[in-house]
Amino acid sequence: MAEMSVKEWAAAYRALNDAEREMLEHNLPLLSPQESILRYFRLCEFVAHLSPDARQAFEAERFRHYLTLEERMRKAAQKLGYDFPD
């Protein structure tokens, strides 16, 4: 395997990030509210796994955020004619 310089590695990594960002910008608007919420919670779980101490430190704040987010998603789902899970 050929070795890469740090600059080459950073450029390749940046190109991958750019491609992923473009894909997300295209695909995210196509997701249902349910799938959007599931992806968000999976991301939160992943981040919590990376830093277990952060879970306790921000538990109350995160809970308030989840309630606010749930209410916004519920309103958007109703407005768009989707069933929102209870």
C-alpha atoms as a PDB file:
ATOM      1  CA  MET A   1       0.000   0.000   0.000  1.00  0.00           C
ATOM      2  CA  ALA A   2       1.383   3.391  -0.952  1.00  0.00           C
ATOM      3  CA  GLU A   3       1.970   5.846   1.842  1.00  0.00           C
ATOM      4  CA  MET A   4       0.201   9.194   1.785  1.00  0.00           C
ATOM      5  CA  SER A   5       1.506  12.453   3.110  1.00  0.00           C
ATOM      6  CA  VAL A   6      -0.555  14.250   5.729  1.00  0.00           C
ATOM      7  CA  LYS A   7      -1.617  16.814   3.126  1.00  0.00           C
ATOM      8  CA  GLU A   8      -2.711  14.067   0.712  1.00  0.00           C
ATOM      9  CA  TRP A   9      -4.626  12.297   3.468  1.00  0.00           C
ATOM     10  CA  ALA A  10      -6.319  15.558   4.542  1.00  0.00           C
ATOM     11  CA  ALA A  11      -7.297  16.338   0.943  1.00  0.00           C
ATOM     12  CA  ALA A  12      -8.789  12.858   0.470  1.00  0.00           C
ATOM     13  CA  TYR A  13     -10.636  13.124   3.791  1.00  0.00           C
ATOM     14  CA  ARG A  14     -11.985  16.571   2.842  1.00  0.00           C
ATOM     15  CA  ALA A  15     -13.174  15.215  -0.517  1.00  0.00           C
ATOM     16  CA  LEU A  16     -15.019  12.379   1.233  1.00  0.00           C
ATOM     17  CA  ASN A  17     -16.626  14.827   3.668  1.00  0.00           C
ATOM     18  CA  ASP A  18     -17.690  17.081   0.801  1.00  0.00           C
ATOM     19  CA  ALA A  19     -19.225  14.146  -1.071  1.00  0.00           C
ATOM     20  CA  GLU A  20     -21.061  12.994   2.053  1.00  0.00           C
ATOM     21  CA  ARG A  21     -22.344  16.526   2.717  1.00  0.00           C
ATOM     22  CA  GLU A  22     -23.693  16.758  -0.842  1.00  0.00           C
ATOM     23  CA  MET A  23     -25.385  13.376  -0.480  1.00  0.00           C
ATOM     24  CA  LEU A  24     -27.002  14.405   2.814  1.00  0.00           C
ATOM     25  CA  GLU A  25     -28.158  17.736   1.413  1.00  0.00           C
ATOM     26  CA  HIS A  26     -29.837  15.837  -1.415  1.00  0.00           C
ATOM     27  CA  ASN A  27     -31.303  12.959   0.623  1.00  0.00           C
ATOM     28  CA  LEU A  28     -32.348  14.571   3.916  1.00  0.00           C
ATOM     29  CA  PRO A  29     -35.318  16.496   2.482  1.00  0.00           C
ATOM     30  CA  LEU A  30     -36.630  13.206   1.056  1.00  0.00           C
ATOM     31  CA  LEU A  31     -36.828  11.484   4.456  1.00  0.00           C
ATOM     32  CA  SER A  32     -40.082  11.059   6.323  1.00  0.00           C
ATOM     33  CA  PRO A  33     -40.331  12.734   9.736  1.00  0.00           C
ATOM     34  CA  GLN A  34     -40.077   9.300  11.360  1.00  0.00           C
ATOM     35  CA  GLU A  35     -36.838   8.442   9.536  1.00  0.00           C
ATOM     36  CA  SER A  36     -35.401  11.879  10.292  1.00  0.00           C
ATOM     37  CA  ILE A  37     -36.063  11.403  13.995  1.00  0.00           C
ATOM     38  CA  LEU A  38     -34.611   7.898  13.985  1.00  0.00           C
ATOM     39  CA  ARG A  39     -31.419   9.148  12.322  1.00  0.00           C
ATOM     40  CA  TYR A  40     -31.150  11.995  14.798  1.00  0.00           C
ATOM     41  CA  PHE A  41     -31.470   9.654  17.779  1.00  0.00           C
ATOM     42  CA  ARG A  42     -28.957   7.209  16.280  1.00  0.00           C
ATOM     43  CA  LEU A  43     -26.509  10.076  15.918  1.00  0.00           C
ATOM     44  CA  CYS A  44     -27.115  11.102  19.551  1.00  0.00           C
ATOM     45  CA  GLU A  45     -26.484   7.533  20.703  1.00  0.00           C
ATOM     46  CA  PHE A  46     -23.270   7.381  18.671  1.00  0.00           C
ATOM     47  CA  VAL A  47     -21.997  10.624  20.188  1.00  0.00           C
ATOM     48  CA  ALA A  48     -22.946   9.420  23.684  1.00  0.00           C
ATOM     49  CA  HIS A  49     -20.986   6.240  23.029  1.00  0.00           C
ATOM     50  CA  LEU A  50     -17.925   8.326  22.136  1.00  0.00           C
ATOM     51  CA  SER A  51     -18.185  10.347  25.349  1.00  0.00           C
ATOM     52  CA  PRO A  52     -20.140   8.491  28.069  1.00  0.00           C
ATOM     53  CA  ASP A  53     -19.582  11.249  30.650  1.00  0.00           C
ATOM     54  CA  ALA A  54     -21.342  13.784  28.441  1.00  0.00           C
ATOM     55  CA  ARG A  55     -24.585  11.827  28.782  1.00  0.00           C
ATOM     56  CA  GLN A  56     -24.913  12.601  32.496  1.00  0.00           C
ATOM     57  CA  ALA A  57     -23.591  16.129  32.270  1.00  0.00           C
ATOM     58  CA  PHE A  58     -26.194  17.175  29.697  1.00  0.00           C
ATOM     59  CA  GLU A  59     -29.083  14.846  30.546  1.00  0.00           C
ATOM     60  CA  ALA A  60     -31.620  17.483  31.653  1.00  0.00           C
ATOM     61  CA  GLU A  61     -30.728  19.835  28.810  1.00  0.00           C
ATOM     62  CA  ARG A  62     -30.952  17.024  26.278  1.00  0.00           C
ATOM     63  CA  PHE A  63     -34.325  15.909  27.640  1.00  0.00           C
ATOM     64  CA  ARG A  64     -35.759  19.439  27.239  1.00  0.00           C
ATOM     65  CA  HIS A  65     -34.305  19.577  23.737  1.00  0.00           C
ATOM     66  CA  TYR A  66     -35.895  16.217  22.839  1.00  0.00           C
ATOM     67  CA  LEU A  67     -39.301  17.397  24.048  1.00  0.00           C
ATOM     68  CA  THR A  68     -39.020  20.589  22.004  1.00  0.00           C
ATOM     69  CA  LEU A  69     -37.813  18.656  18.967  1.00  0.00           C
ATOM     70  CA  GLU A  70     -40.597  16.092  19.317  1.00  0.00           C
ATOM     71  CA  GLU A  71     -43.232  18.816  19.436  1.00  0.00           C
ATOM     72  CA  ARG A  72     -41.782  20.513  16.342  1.00  0.00           C
ATOM     73  CA  MET A  73     -41.621  17.207  14.465  1.00  0.00           C
ATOM     74  CA  ARG A  74     -45.188  16.348  15.520  1.00  0.00           C
ATOM     75  CA  LYS A  75     -46.461  19.692  14.197  1.00  0.00           C
ATOM     76  CA  ALA A  76     -44.528  19.314  10.938  1.00  0.00           C
ATOM     77  CA  ALA A  77     -45.775  15.740  10.486  1.00  0.00           C
ATOM     78  CA  GLN A  78     -49.372  16.779  11.061  1.00  0.00           C
ATOM     79  CA  LYS A  79     -49.015  19.700   8.673  1.00  0.00           C
ATOM     80  CA  LEU A  80     -47.594  17.380   5.996  1.00  0.00           C
ATOM     81  CA  GLY A  81     -50.223  14.712   6.604  1.00  0.00           C
ATOM     82  CA  TYR A  82     -47.986  12.081   8.208  1.00  0.00           C
ATOM     83  CA  ASP A  83     -48.898   9.942  11.189  1.00  0.00           C
ATOM     84  CA  PHE A  84     -46.589  10.690  14.085  1.00  0.00           C
ATOM     85  CA  PRO A  85     -45.855   7.755  16.431  1.00  0.00           C
ATOM     86  CA  ASP A  86     -46.910   8.153  20.051  1.00  0.00           C
END
